[in-house]
N, C-alpha and C. Protein backbone atom coordinates (compact mmCIF):
# COMPACT_ATOMS: atom_id res chain seq x y z
N MET A 1 10.54 3.46 7.61
CA MET A 1 9.79 4.71 7.77
C MET A 1 8.75 4.78 6.66
N SER A 2 7.47 4.73 7.02
CA SER A 2 6.41 4.81 6.03
C SER A 2 6.15 6.26 5.64
N ILE A 3 5.60 6.43 4.44
CA ILE A 3 5.28 7.76 3.92
C ILE A 3 3.82 7.72 3.48
N VAL A 4 3.02 8.65 3.97
CA VAL A 4 1.60 8.69 3.62
C VAL A 4 1.24 10.09 3.15
N LEU A 5 0.70 10.18 1.93
CA LEU A 5 0.21 11.45 1.39
C LEU A 5 -1.30 11.37 1.31
N GLU A 6 -1.98 12.40 1.80
CA GLU A 6 -3.44 12.44 1.75
C GLU A 6 -3.92 13.81 1.30
N GLY A 7 -4.71 13.83 0.24
CA GLY A 7 -5.29 15.07 -0.26
C GLY A 7 -4.27 16.11 -0.66
N VAL A 8 -3.13 15.66 -1.17
CA VAL A 8 -2.03 16.59 -1.50
C VAL A 8 -2.26 17.25 -2.85
N ARG A 9 -2.18 18.57 -2.87
CA ARG A 9 -2.27 19.34 -4.11
C ARG A 9 -1.17 20.39 -4.11
N LYS A 10 -0.60 20.61 -5.31
CA LYS A 10 0.42 21.64 -5.47
C LYS A 10 0.25 22.30 -6.82
N SER A 11 0.28 23.64 -6.82
CA SER A 11 0.17 24.42 -8.06
C SER A 11 1.30 25.43 -8.11
N TYR A 12 1.62 25.86 -9.33
CA TYR A 12 2.57 26.94 -9.55
C TYR A 12 1.88 28.02 -10.37
N LYS A 13 1.80 29.21 -9.80
CA LYS A 13 1.16 30.34 -10.48
C LYS A 13 -0.24 29.97 -10.97
N GLY A 14 -0.95 29.24 -10.13
CA GLY A 14 -2.32 28.87 -10.45
C GLY A 14 -2.48 27.66 -11.35
N VAL A 15 -1.36 27.10 -11.82
CA VAL A 15 -1.42 25.93 -12.69
C VAL A 15 -1.21 24.67 -11.86
N PRO A 16 -2.19 23.76 -11.81
CA PRO A 16 -2.04 22.53 -11.03
C PRO A 16 -0.87 21.68 -11.53
N VAL A 17 -0.04 21.23 -10.60
CA VAL A 17 1.11 20.41 -10.94
C VAL A 17 0.95 18.99 -10.39
N LEU A 18 0.36 18.89 -9.21
CA LEU A 18 0.28 17.59 -8.54
C LEU A 18 -1.02 17.48 -7.76
N SER A 19 -1.67 16.33 -7.85
CA SER A 19 -2.88 16.08 -7.08
C SER A 19 -2.93 14.60 -6.73
N ILE A 20 -2.78 14.29 -5.44
CA ILE A 20 -2.78 12.90 -4.98
C ILE A 20 -3.75 12.77 -3.82
N SER A 21 -4.80 11.99 -4.01
CA SER A 21 -5.80 11.82 -2.95
C SER A 21 -5.26 10.98 -1.81
N LYS A 22 -4.61 9.84 -2.13
CA LYS A 22 -4.08 8.97 -1.08
C LYS A 22 -2.95 8.12 -1.65
N LEU A 23 -1.83 8.10 -0.94
CA LEU A 23 -0.71 7.25 -1.33
C LEU A 23 0.02 6.83 -0.07
N ASP A 24 0.25 5.52 0.05
CA ASP A 24 0.94 4.96 1.22
C ASP A 24 2.15 4.17 0.72
N ILE A 25 3.34 4.62 1.10
CA ILE A 25 4.58 3.95 0.69
C ILE A 25 5.17 3.28 1.93
N PRO A 26 5.23 1.95 1.97
CA PRO A 26 5.69 1.26 3.17
C PRO A 26 7.19 1.38 3.39
N LYS A 27 7.59 1.20 4.63
CA LYS A 27 9.00 1.22 4.99
C LYS A 27 9.76 0.16 4.21
N GLY A 28 10.92 0.53 3.69
CA GLY A 28 11.77 -0.40 2.98
C GLY A 28 11.42 -0.60 1.52
N ALA A 29 10.39 0.09 1.03
CA ALA A 29 10.01 -0.04 -0.38
C ALA A 29 11.12 0.47 -1.29
N GLN A 30 11.21 -0.12 -2.47
CA GLN A 30 12.10 0.37 -3.52
C GLN A 30 11.20 0.65 -4.72
N TRP A 31 11.04 1.93 -5.00
CA TRP A 31 9.92 2.37 -5.82
C TRP A 31 10.39 3.36 -6.88
N ILE A 32 10.00 3.13 -8.12
CA ILE A 32 10.33 4.02 -9.23
C ILE A 32 9.11 4.88 -9.56
N LEU A 33 9.36 6.17 -9.73
CA LEU A 33 8.32 7.10 -10.18
C LEU A 33 8.74 7.64 -11.54
N THR A 34 7.86 7.51 -12.50
CA THR A 34 8.17 8.00 -13.84
C THR A 34 7.04 8.91 -14.31
N GLY A 35 7.22 9.48 -15.49
CA GLY A 35 6.22 10.39 -16.03
C GLY A 35 6.84 11.35 -17.02
N ALA A 36 5.99 12.01 -17.77
CA ALA A 36 6.46 12.96 -18.78
C ALA A 36 7.17 14.13 -18.13
N SER A 37 8.01 14.80 -18.90
CA SER A 37 8.68 16.00 -18.41
C SER A 37 7.63 17.03 -17.99
N GLY A 38 7.83 17.62 -16.81
CA GLY A 38 6.88 18.61 -16.32
C GLY A 38 5.67 18.03 -15.62
N SER A 39 5.69 16.71 -15.39
CA SER A 39 4.53 16.06 -14.76
C SER A 39 4.52 16.17 -13.24
N GLY A 40 5.59 16.71 -12.67
CA GLY A 40 5.62 16.92 -11.23
C GLY A 40 6.46 15.93 -10.45
N LYS A 41 7.34 15.19 -11.13
CA LYS A 41 8.14 14.17 -10.45
C LYS A 41 9.08 14.79 -9.40
N THR A 42 9.81 15.81 -9.81
CA THR A 42 10.73 16.46 -8.87
C THR A 42 9.94 17.17 -7.77
N THR A 43 8.81 17.76 -8.13
CA THR A 43 7.95 18.38 -7.12
C THR A 43 7.53 17.35 -6.07
N PHE A 44 7.18 16.16 -6.52
CA PHE A 44 6.80 15.08 -5.62
C PHE A 44 7.91 14.79 -4.61
N LEU A 45 9.14 14.65 -5.09
CA LEU A 45 10.26 14.38 -4.19
C LEU A 45 10.50 15.55 -3.24
N ASN A 46 10.38 16.77 -3.77
CA ASN A 46 10.61 17.95 -2.93
C ASN A 46 9.55 18.10 -1.85
N LEU A 47 8.35 17.64 -2.12
CA LEU A 47 7.30 17.66 -1.10
C LEU A 47 7.59 16.65 0.00
N ILE A 48 8.02 15.47 -0.37
CA ILE A 48 8.33 14.44 0.62
C ILE A 48 9.52 14.84 1.48
N SER A 49 10.49 15.51 0.88
CA SER A 49 11.68 15.92 1.64
C SER A 49 11.44 17.18 2.46
N GLY A 50 10.33 17.87 2.21
CA GLY A 50 10.04 19.08 2.96
C GLY A 50 10.68 20.32 2.37
N ILE A 51 11.29 20.20 1.20
CA ILE A 51 11.83 21.40 0.53
C ILE A 51 10.67 22.30 0.11
N LEU A 52 9.59 21.67 -0.36
CA LEU A 52 8.37 22.38 -0.70
C LEU A 52 7.25 21.97 0.25
N THR A 53 6.24 22.81 0.36
CA THR A 53 5.04 22.46 1.11
C THR A 53 3.85 22.45 0.15
N PRO A 54 2.88 21.57 0.38
CA PRO A 54 1.72 21.50 -0.51
C PRO A 54 0.76 22.65 -0.27
N ASP A 55 -0.06 22.93 -1.27
CA ASP A 55 -1.13 23.93 -1.10
C ASP A 55 -2.23 23.38 -0.21
N ALA A 56 -2.38 22.06 -0.22
CA ALA A 56 -3.39 21.40 0.61
C ALA A 56 -2.94 19.98 0.88
N GLY A 57 -3.48 19.39 1.96
CA GLY A 57 -3.19 18.00 2.25
C GLY A 57 -2.12 17.80 3.30
N THR A 58 -1.89 16.54 3.63
CA THR A 58 -0.90 16.18 4.65
C THR A 58 0.12 15.20 4.08
N ILE A 59 1.34 15.30 4.58
CA ILE A 59 2.41 14.37 4.22
C ILE A 59 3.00 13.87 5.53
N THR A 60 2.72 12.62 5.84
CA THR A 60 3.15 12.05 7.12
C THR A 60 4.32 11.10 6.89
N VAL A 61 5.43 11.38 7.55
CA VAL A 61 6.63 10.57 7.43
C VAL A 61 6.94 9.99 8.81
N SER A 62 6.78 8.67 8.93
CA SER A 62 6.99 7.98 10.20
C SER A 62 6.26 8.64 11.35
N GLY A 63 5.00 8.95 11.10
CA GLY A 63 4.16 9.50 12.16
C GLY A 63 4.21 11.00 12.33
N THR A 64 5.10 11.68 11.60
CA THR A 64 5.22 13.13 11.69
C THR A 64 4.63 13.79 10.45
N ASP A 65 3.64 14.64 10.65
CA ASP A 65 3.07 15.41 9.54
C ASP A 65 4.00 16.58 9.27
N ILE A 66 4.84 16.44 8.24
CA ILE A 66 5.86 17.47 8.01
C ILE A 66 5.25 18.77 7.48
N THR A 67 4.00 18.74 7.03
CA THR A 67 3.38 19.98 6.57
C THR A 67 3.08 20.91 7.74
N ARG A 68 3.11 20.40 8.95
CA ARG A 68 2.85 21.23 10.13
C ARG A 68 4.14 21.81 10.73
N LEU A 69 5.27 21.43 10.17
CA LEU A 69 6.55 21.91 10.69
C LEU A 69 6.91 23.25 10.07
N SER A 70 7.66 24.05 10.81
CA SER A 70 8.20 25.29 10.26
C SER A 70 9.30 24.96 9.26
N GLU A 71 9.73 25.95 8.49
CA GLU A 71 10.80 25.70 7.52
C GLU A 71 12.06 25.19 8.21
N ALA A 72 12.43 25.79 9.33
CA ALA A 72 13.62 25.35 10.07
C ALA A 72 13.45 23.92 10.58
N GLU A 73 12.25 23.60 11.04
CA GLU A 73 11.99 22.24 11.53
C GLU A 73 12.03 21.23 10.38
N ARG A 74 11.53 21.63 9.22
CA ARG A 74 11.59 20.73 8.06
C ARG A 74 13.04 20.51 7.63
N ASP A 75 13.84 21.57 7.66
CA ASP A 75 15.26 21.43 7.31
C ASP A 75 15.94 20.44 8.24
N ARG A 76 15.64 20.57 9.53
CA ARG A 76 16.24 19.68 10.52
C ARG A 76 15.76 18.24 10.31
N PHE A 77 14.47 18.09 10.07
CA PHE A 77 13.90 16.76 9.84
C PHE A 77 14.55 16.11 8.62
N ARG A 78 14.71 16.89 7.56
CA ARG A 78 15.32 16.36 6.34
C ARG A 78 16.76 15.93 6.59
N ALA A 79 17.51 16.74 7.32
CA ALA A 79 18.91 16.42 7.60
C ALA A 79 19.04 15.13 8.39
N GLN A 80 18.09 14.88 9.26
CA GLN A 80 18.17 13.72 10.14
C GLN A 80 17.56 12.45 9.55
N HIS A 81 16.61 12.58 8.63
CA HIS A 81 15.85 11.41 8.20
C HIS A 81 15.86 11.14 6.70
N VAL A 82 16.27 12.09 5.89
CA VAL A 82 16.14 11.95 4.43
C VAL A 82 17.49 12.19 3.75
N GLY A 83 17.87 11.28 2.87
CA GLY A 83 19.04 11.47 2.02
C GLY A 83 18.59 11.74 0.60
N VAL A 84 19.35 12.57 -0.12
CA VAL A 84 18.97 12.94 -1.49
C VAL A 84 20.16 12.75 -2.42
N VAL A 85 19.90 12.09 -3.55
CA VAL A 85 20.90 11.94 -4.61
C VAL A 85 20.39 12.69 -5.82
N PHE A 86 21.21 13.62 -6.32
CA PHE A 86 20.81 14.48 -7.43
C PHE A 86 21.43 14.02 -8.74
N GLN A 87 20.78 14.37 -9.84
CA GLN A 87 21.33 14.07 -11.17
C GLN A 87 22.67 14.77 -11.37
N THR A 88 22.80 15.98 -10.85
CA THR A 88 24.01 16.78 -11.06
C THR A 88 25.00 16.67 -9.91
N PHE A 89 24.79 15.71 -9.02
CA PHE A 89 25.70 15.36 -7.92
C PHE A 89 25.72 16.40 -6.80
N ASN A 90 25.84 17.71 -7.15
CA ASN A 90 25.88 18.79 -6.16
C ASN A 90 27.01 18.63 -5.15
N LEU A 91 28.17 18.18 -5.61
CA LEU A 91 29.34 18.09 -4.74
C LEU A 91 30.05 19.43 -4.71
N LEU A 92 30.70 19.72 -3.59
CA LEU A 92 31.48 20.96 -3.46
C LEU A 92 32.87 20.71 -4.01
N GLN A 93 33.22 21.44 -5.07
CA GLN A 93 34.44 21.15 -5.81
C GLN A 93 35.72 21.45 -5.03
N GLY A 94 35.65 22.36 -4.07
CA GLY A 94 36.86 22.71 -3.32
C GLY A 94 37.17 21.77 -2.18
N PHE A 95 36.40 20.70 -2.05
CA PHE A 95 36.57 19.77 -0.94
C PHE A 95 36.76 18.36 -1.47
N SER A 96 37.46 17.55 -0.70
CA SER A 96 37.70 16.16 -1.09
C SER A 96 36.42 15.34 -0.99
N ALA A 97 36.47 14.13 -1.53
CA ALA A 97 35.33 13.23 -1.43
C ALA A 97 34.96 13.01 0.04
N ARG A 98 35.95 12.78 0.87
CA ARG A 98 35.71 12.56 2.31
C ARG A 98 35.10 13.79 2.95
N GLU A 99 35.61 14.96 2.61
CA GLU A 99 35.08 16.20 3.19
C GLU A 99 33.65 16.45 2.75
N ASN A 100 33.32 16.09 1.51
CA ASN A 100 31.94 16.25 1.06
C ASN A 100 30.99 15.39 1.88
N VAL A 101 31.40 14.18 2.21
CA VAL A 101 30.56 13.31 3.04
C VAL A 101 30.46 13.88 4.46
N LEU A 102 31.57 14.36 5.00
CA LEU A 102 31.56 14.93 6.35
C LEU A 102 30.69 16.18 6.41
N LEU A 103 30.74 17.00 5.37
CA LEU A 103 29.90 18.20 5.35
C LEU A 103 28.42 17.84 5.37
N GLY A 104 28.08 16.72 4.73
CA GLY A 104 26.70 16.26 4.76
C GLY A 104 26.23 15.90 6.16
N MET A 105 27.18 15.58 7.04
CA MET A 105 26.86 15.22 8.42
C MET A 105 26.67 16.44 9.32
N LEU A 106 27.22 17.57 8.91
CA LEU A 106 27.18 18.76 9.76
C LEU A 106 25.76 19.20 10.08
N PHE A 107 24.88 19.13 9.09
CA PHE A 107 23.52 19.64 9.26
C PHE A 107 22.72 18.84 10.28
N ALA A 108 23.12 17.60 10.51
CA ALA A 108 22.43 16.77 11.50
C ALA A 108 23.23 16.63 12.79
N ASP A 109 24.34 17.37 12.88
CA ASP A 109 25.21 17.31 14.07
C ASP A 109 25.67 15.89 14.35
N ARG A 110 26.03 15.18 13.28
CA ARG A 110 26.45 13.78 13.43
C ARG A 110 27.79 13.55 12.74
N VAL A 111 28.73 14.43 12.88
CA VAL A 111 30.01 14.30 12.18
C VAL A 111 30.75 13.07 12.71
N ASP A 112 31.01 12.13 11.83
CA ASP A 112 31.60 10.85 12.20
C ASP A 112 32.60 10.44 11.12
N PRO A 113 33.88 10.82 11.27
CA PRO A 113 34.88 10.51 10.25
C PRO A 113 34.98 9.02 9.93
N ALA A 114 34.83 8.18 10.95
CA ALA A 114 34.93 6.73 10.71
C ALA A 114 33.79 6.26 9.80
N ARG A 115 32.59 6.81 9.99
CA ARG A 115 31.47 6.43 9.13
C ARG A 115 31.69 6.94 7.71
N ALA A 116 32.22 8.15 7.58
CA ALA A 116 32.50 8.69 6.25
C ALA A 116 33.46 7.77 5.50
N ASP A 117 34.51 7.31 6.19
CA ASP A 117 35.47 6.41 5.55
C ASP A 117 34.81 5.08 5.20
N ALA A 118 33.95 4.58 6.10
CA ALA A 118 33.29 3.30 5.84
C ALA A 118 32.34 3.39 4.65
N LEU A 119 31.64 4.51 4.53
CA LEU A 119 30.73 4.69 3.40
C LEU A 119 31.48 4.78 2.08
N LEU A 120 32.58 5.51 2.08
CA LEU A 120 33.36 5.61 0.85
C LEU A 120 33.95 4.26 0.46
N GLU A 121 34.32 3.47 1.46
CA GLU A 121 34.79 2.12 1.17
C GLU A 121 33.64 1.28 0.60
N ARG A 122 32.44 1.45 1.17
CA ARG A 122 31.29 0.67 0.70
C ARG A 122 30.95 0.98 -0.75
N VAL A 123 31.14 2.22 -1.18
CA VAL A 123 30.83 2.57 -2.57
C VAL A 123 32.04 2.42 -3.48
N GLY A 124 33.11 1.82 -2.95
CA GLY A 124 34.27 1.50 -3.77
C GLY A 124 35.24 2.64 -4.00
N LEU A 125 35.28 3.60 -3.08
CA LEU A 125 36.14 4.77 -3.28
C LEU A 125 37.09 5.01 -2.12
N ALA A 126 37.45 3.97 -1.38
CA ALA A 126 38.35 4.15 -0.24
C ALA A 126 39.67 4.79 -0.68
N ASP A 127 40.15 4.42 -1.85
CA ASP A 127 41.43 4.95 -2.32
C ASP A 127 41.30 6.32 -2.99
N LYS A 128 40.07 6.83 -3.09
CA LYS A 128 39.85 8.13 -3.73
C LYS A 128 39.36 9.18 -2.73
N ARG A 129 39.33 8.85 -1.45
CA ARG A 129 38.66 9.72 -0.48
C ARG A 129 39.30 11.09 -0.32
N HIS A 130 40.58 11.20 -0.65
CA HIS A 130 41.25 12.49 -0.50
C HIS A 130 41.30 13.29 -1.81
N GLN A 131 40.65 12.78 -2.85
CA GLN A 131 40.63 13.48 -4.13
C GLN A 131 39.40 14.37 -4.24
N ASN A 132 39.58 15.52 -4.89
CA ASN A 132 38.45 16.42 -5.12
C ASN A 132 37.58 15.89 -6.27
N PRO A 133 36.33 16.30 -6.32
CA PRO A 133 35.42 15.79 -7.36
C PRO A 133 35.93 15.95 -8.78
N ASP A 134 36.63 17.06 -9.06
CA ASP A 134 37.07 17.27 -10.45
C ASP A 134 38.15 16.29 -10.88
N ALA A 135 38.69 15.53 -9.94
CA ALA A 135 39.68 14.51 -10.27
C ALA A 135 39.03 13.13 -10.42
N LEU A 136 37.71 13.07 -10.24
CA LEU A 136 36.98 11.81 -10.30
C LEU A 136 36.15 11.72 -11.58
N SER A 137 35.86 10.51 -12.01
CA SER A 137 34.96 10.31 -13.14
C SER A 137 33.54 10.65 -12.69
N VAL A 138 32.61 10.80 -13.65
CA VAL A 138 31.24 11.12 -13.28
C VAL A 138 30.61 10.00 -12.46
N GLY A 139 30.96 8.76 -12.78
CA GLY A 139 30.44 7.65 -12.00
C GLY A 139 30.95 7.67 -10.58
N GLN A 140 32.23 8.01 -10.41
CA GLN A 140 32.80 8.11 -9.08
C GLN A 140 32.19 9.27 -8.30
N GLN A 141 31.92 10.37 -8.99
CA GLN A 141 31.27 11.50 -8.32
C GLN A 141 29.88 11.11 -7.81
N GLN A 142 29.15 10.34 -8.60
CA GLN A 142 27.82 9.92 -8.15
C GLN A 142 27.93 8.97 -6.96
N ARG A 143 28.99 8.18 -6.91
CA ARG A 143 29.21 7.30 -5.76
C ARG A 143 29.49 8.11 -4.50
N VAL A 144 30.25 9.19 -4.65
CA VAL A 144 30.47 10.09 -3.51
C VAL A 144 29.13 10.67 -3.05
N ALA A 145 28.31 11.07 -4.01
CA ALA A 145 27.00 11.65 -3.68
C ALA A 145 26.12 10.64 -2.94
N ILE A 146 26.21 9.36 -3.32
CA ILE A 146 25.46 8.33 -2.61
C ILE A 146 25.97 8.18 -1.19
N ALA A 147 27.28 8.16 -1.02
CA ALA A 147 27.85 8.08 0.33
C ALA A 147 27.40 9.25 1.17
N ARG A 148 27.40 10.44 0.59
CA ARG A 148 26.95 11.63 1.33
C ARG A 148 25.47 11.51 1.70
N ALA A 149 24.65 11.01 0.79
CA ALA A 149 23.22 10.87 1.05
C ALA A 149 22.94 9.90 2.19
N LEU A 150 23.83 8.92 2.38
CA LEU A 150 23.66 7.92 3.43
C LEU A 150 24.34 8.30 4.73
N ALA A 151 24.99 9.46 4.75
CA ALA A 151 25.85 9.83 5.88
C ALA A 151 25.13 9.84 7.22
N ASN A 152 23.88 10.28 7.24
CA ASN A 152 23.17 10.47 8.50
C ASN A 152 22.17 9.35 8.82
N HIS A 153 22.44 8.16 8.29
CA HIS A 153 21.56 7.01 8.53
C HIS A 153 20.11 7.32 8.13
N PRO A 154 19.86 7.82 6.93
CA PRO A 154 18.49 8.22 6.57
C PRO A 154 17.55 7.03 6.47
N GLU A 155 16.30 7.26 6.87
CA GLU A 155 15.28 6.23 6.69
C GLU A 155 14.73 6.24 5.27
N ILE A 156 14.90 7.37 4.58
CA ILE A 156 14.41 7.53 3.21
C ILE A 156 15.53 8.06 2.34
N LEU A 157 15.68 7.48 1.15
CA LEU A 157 16.63 8.02 0.18
C LEU A 157 15.87 8.38 -1.09
N LEU A 158 15.96 9.63 -1.49
CA LEU A 158 15.30 10.13 -2.69
C LEU A 158 16.35 10.32 -3.77
N ALA A 159 16.12 9.75 -4.93
CA ALA A 159 17.08 9.85 -6.04
C ALA A 159 16.38 10.46 -7.24
N ASP A 160 16.82 11.66 -7.63
CA ASP A 160 16.19 12.39 -8.74
C ASP A 160 17.03 12.23 -10.00
N GLU A 161 16.60 11.36 -10.90
CA GLU A 161 17.33 11.06 -12.14
C GLU A 161 18.81 10.76 -11.84
N PRO A 162 19.10 9.80 -10.97
CA PRO A 162 20.49 9.57 -10.54
C PRO A 162 21.42 9.08 -11.63
N THR A 163 20.86 8.59 -12.75
CA THR A 163 21.71 8.12 -13.84
C THR A 163 21.63 9.03 -15.06
N GLY A 164 21.02 10.18 -14.90
CA GLY A 164 20.78 11.07 -16.04
C GLY A 164 22.03 11.55 -16.74
N ASN A 165 23.14 11.66 -16.00
CA ASN A 165 24.39 12.15 -16.60
C ASN A 165 25.41 11.04 -16.79
N LEU A 166 24.96 9.79 -16.72
CA LEU A 166 25.88 8.66 -16.78
C LEU A 166 25.64 7.81 -18.02
N ASP A 167 26.69 7.14 -18.50
CA ASP A 167 26.52 6.21 -19.60
C ASP A 167 25.77 4.98 -19.08
N PRO A 168 25.15 4.19 -19.97
CA PRO A 168 24.31 3.07 -19.52
C PRO A 168 24.99 2.10 -18.57
N ARG A 169 26.24 1.75 -18.85
CA ARG A 169 26.93 0.78 -18.00
C ARG A 169 27.17 1.34 -16.60
N THR A 170 27.64 2.58 -16.53
CA THR A 170 27.87 3.21 -15.23
C THR A 170 26.55 3.40 -14.50
N GLY A 171 25.52 3.80 -15.25
CA GLY A 171 24.20 3.99 -14.65
C GLY A 171 23.67 2.71 -14.03
N GLU A 172 23.88 1.59 -14.71
CA GLU A 172 23.43 0.30 -14.18
C GLU A 172 24.12 -0.02 -12.87
N SER A 173 25.43 0.26 -12.79
CA SER A 173 26.16 -0.03 -11.56
C SER A 173 25.71 0.88 -10.42
N ILE A 174 25.36 2.13 -10.74
CA ILE A 174 24.89 3.07 -9.72
C ILE A 174 23.54 2.62 -9.17
N ILE A 175 22.63 2.20 -10.04
CA ILE A 175 21.32 1.73 -9.59
C ILE A 175 21.47 0.48 -8.73
N SER A 176 22.33 -0.43 -9.14
CA SER A 176 22.56 -1.64 -8.34
C SER A 176 23.09 -1.28 -6.96
N LEU A 177 24.00 -0.31 -6.91
CA LEU A 177 24.56 0.13 -5.63
C LEU A 177 23.49 0.76 -4.75
N LEU A 178 22.68 1.63 -5.34
CA LEU A 178 21.60 2.27 -4.57
C LEU A 178 20.68 1.22 -3.95
N LYS A 179 20.28 0.26 -4.75
CA LYS A 179 19.36 -0.77 -4.26
C LYS A 179 20.01 -1.62 -3.16
N GLU A 180 21.27 -1.95 -3.35
CA GLU A 180 21.97 -2.79 -2.37
C GLU A 180 22.11 -2.08 -1.03
N VAL A 181 22.60 -0.83 -1.05
CA VAL A 181 22.84 -0.14 0.22
C VAL A 181 21.53 0.18 0.93
N CYS A 182 20.48 0.45 0.18
CA CYS A 182 19.18 0.70 0.81
C CYS A 182 18.62 -0.58 1.42
N ARG A 183 18.80 -1.69 0.73
CA ARG A 183 18.33 -2.98 1.27
C ARG A 183 19.10 -3.33 2.54
N GLU A 184 20.40 -3.10 2.53
CA GLU A 184 21.23 -3.41 3.69
C GLU A 184 20.81 -2.61 4.92
N ASN A 185 20.37 -1.38 4.70
CA ASN A 185 20.06 -0.48 5.82
C ASN A 185 18.57 -0.35 6.09
N GLY A 186 17.73 -1.08 5.34
CA GLY A 186 16.29 -0.96 5.53
C GLY A 186 15.76 0.40 5.14
N THR A 187 16.45 1.06 4.21
CA THR A 187 16.10 2.42 3.79
C THR A 187 15.07 2.38 2.66
N THR A 188 14.05 3.19 2.77
CA THR A 188 13.06 3.33 1.70
C THR A 188 13.68 4.10 0.54
N LEU A 189 13.61 3.56 -0.66
CA LEU A 189 14.22 4.18 -1.84
C LEU A 189 13.13 4.62 -2.81
N LEU A 190 13.10 5.92 -3.09
CA LEU A 190 12.19 6.48 -4.10
C LEU A 190 13.05 7.10 -5.18
N CYS A 191 12.90 6.61 -6.39
CA CYS A 191 13.76 7.04 -7.49
C CYS A 191 12.92 7.55 -8.65
N VAL A 192 13.24 8.75 -9.11
CA VAL A 192 12.59 9.33 -10.29
C VAL A 192 13.47 9.07 -11.50
N THR A 193 12.87 8.57 -12.57
CA THR A 193 13.63 8.34 -13.79
C THR A 193 12.69 8.30 -14.99
N HIS A 194 13.26 8.50 -16.17
CA HIS A 194 12.51 8.29 -17.41
C HIS A 194 13.23 7.26 -18.28
N GLN A 195 14.27 6.61 -17.72
CA GLN A 195 15.09 5.69 -18.49
C GLN A 195 14.56 4.26 -18.37
N PRO A 196 14.20 3.64 -19.50
CA PRO A 196 13.61 2.29 -19.47
C PRO A 196 14.48 1.26 -18.79
N GLN A 197 15.82 1.35 -18.97
CA GLN A 197 16.68 0.33 -18.37
C GLN A 197 16.69 0.42 -16.85
N VAL A 198 16.47 1.61 -16.31
CA VAL A 198 16.38 1.76 -14.86
C VAL A 198 15.04 1.21 -14.38
N MET A 199 13.96 1.56 -15.07
CA MET A 199 12.64 1.06 -14.69
C MET A 199 12.59 -0.46 -14.69
N ALA A 200 13.29 -1.07 -15.64
CA ALA A 200 13.25 -2.52 -15.78
C ALA A 200 13.89 -3.23 -14.60
N SER A 201 14.72 -2.53 -13.84
CA SER A 201 15.42 -3.15 -12.71
C SER A 201 14.64 -3.07 -11.40
N PHE A 202 13.45 -2.44 -11.43
CA PHE A 202 12.63 -2.30 -10.23
C PHE A 202 11.32 -3.06 -10.41
N LYS A 203 10.84 -3.62 -9.32
CA LYS A 203 9.56 -4.32 -9.33
C LYS A 203 8.40 -3.33 -9.32
N ASP A 204 8.52 -2.28 -8.51
CA ASP A 204 7.44 -1.31 -8.35
C ASP A 204 7.73 -0.05 -9.16
N VAL A 205 6.99 0.13 -10.25
CA VAL A 205 7.15 1.30 -11.13
C VAL A 205 5.78 1.95 -11.28
N THR A 206 5.71 3.25 -10.99
CA THR A 206 4.43 3.96 -11.06
C THR A 206 4.57 5.22 -11.89
N ASP A 207 3.67 5.41 -12.84
CA ASP A 207 3.62 6.65 -13.60
C ASP A 207 2.84 7.67 -12.78
N LEU A 208 3.43 8.85 -12.63
CA LEU A 208 2.81 9.87 -11.77
C LEU A 208 1.40 10.21 -12.23
N SER A 209 1.14 10.13 -13.53
CA SER A 209 -0.19 10.44 -14.03
C SER A 209 -1.25 9.48 -13.49
N CYS A 210 -0.81 8.27 -13.11
CA CYS A 210 -1.74 7.28 -12.56
C CYS A 210 -2.12 7.59 -11.12
N LEU A 211 -1.34 8.45 -10.46
CA LEU A 211 -1.64 8.81 -9.08
C LEU A 211 -2.55 10.02 -9.00
N SER A 212 -2.59 10.80 -10.04
CA SER A 212 -3.35 12.05 -10.01
C SER A 212 -4.82 11.78 -9.75
N GLY A 213 -5.30 12.39 -8.67
CA GLY A 213 -6.70 12.27 -8.33
C GLY A 213 -7.08 10.97 -7.66
N LYS A 214 -6.05 10.13 -7.35
CA LYS A 214 -6.37 8.83 -6.73
C LYS A 214 -6.12 8.90 -5.24
């Protein structure tokens, strides 16, 4: 699934945050976006996922200009086509690892217990699927979050500082896992980070400031 941004601008309270004249991200790319704090990295991901809409410009995802969709349509599109991995995991503490993955499927009407089990096995947590997040290590919680993000066969996976709360060794294993599962599924991976060791593991690294006005 290709992603094309054209003439995209976003401001907050009149202060420009993001300005991209043209950007084309091909299907299957594994791409790191970096930049100073407050440079608009998370805004960039939120625009691609349809959580936010730009003040101007178009964002075309696999032929669909998501800026023309209603909020409900964007929510549906995101549930069906985009997976998101957060720095803070965003797991529901009252539910098991398996239930967290299944809940991720509800929004796309694709509840598939067998797939949930297969994903947890793929991320190395088959024996932890019935445990709640508070019984898991932070690295294991992020693995659950990755399984949940992949639950609906997304064409795009967005990772916002996915190793920000992890020690370097655990972070390295999480990045390797993200790259492997995206490669296996032909999923486009866009990852925001400021950590040099993460950037070093990717071929394509772009500073957001280099995109401004281009």
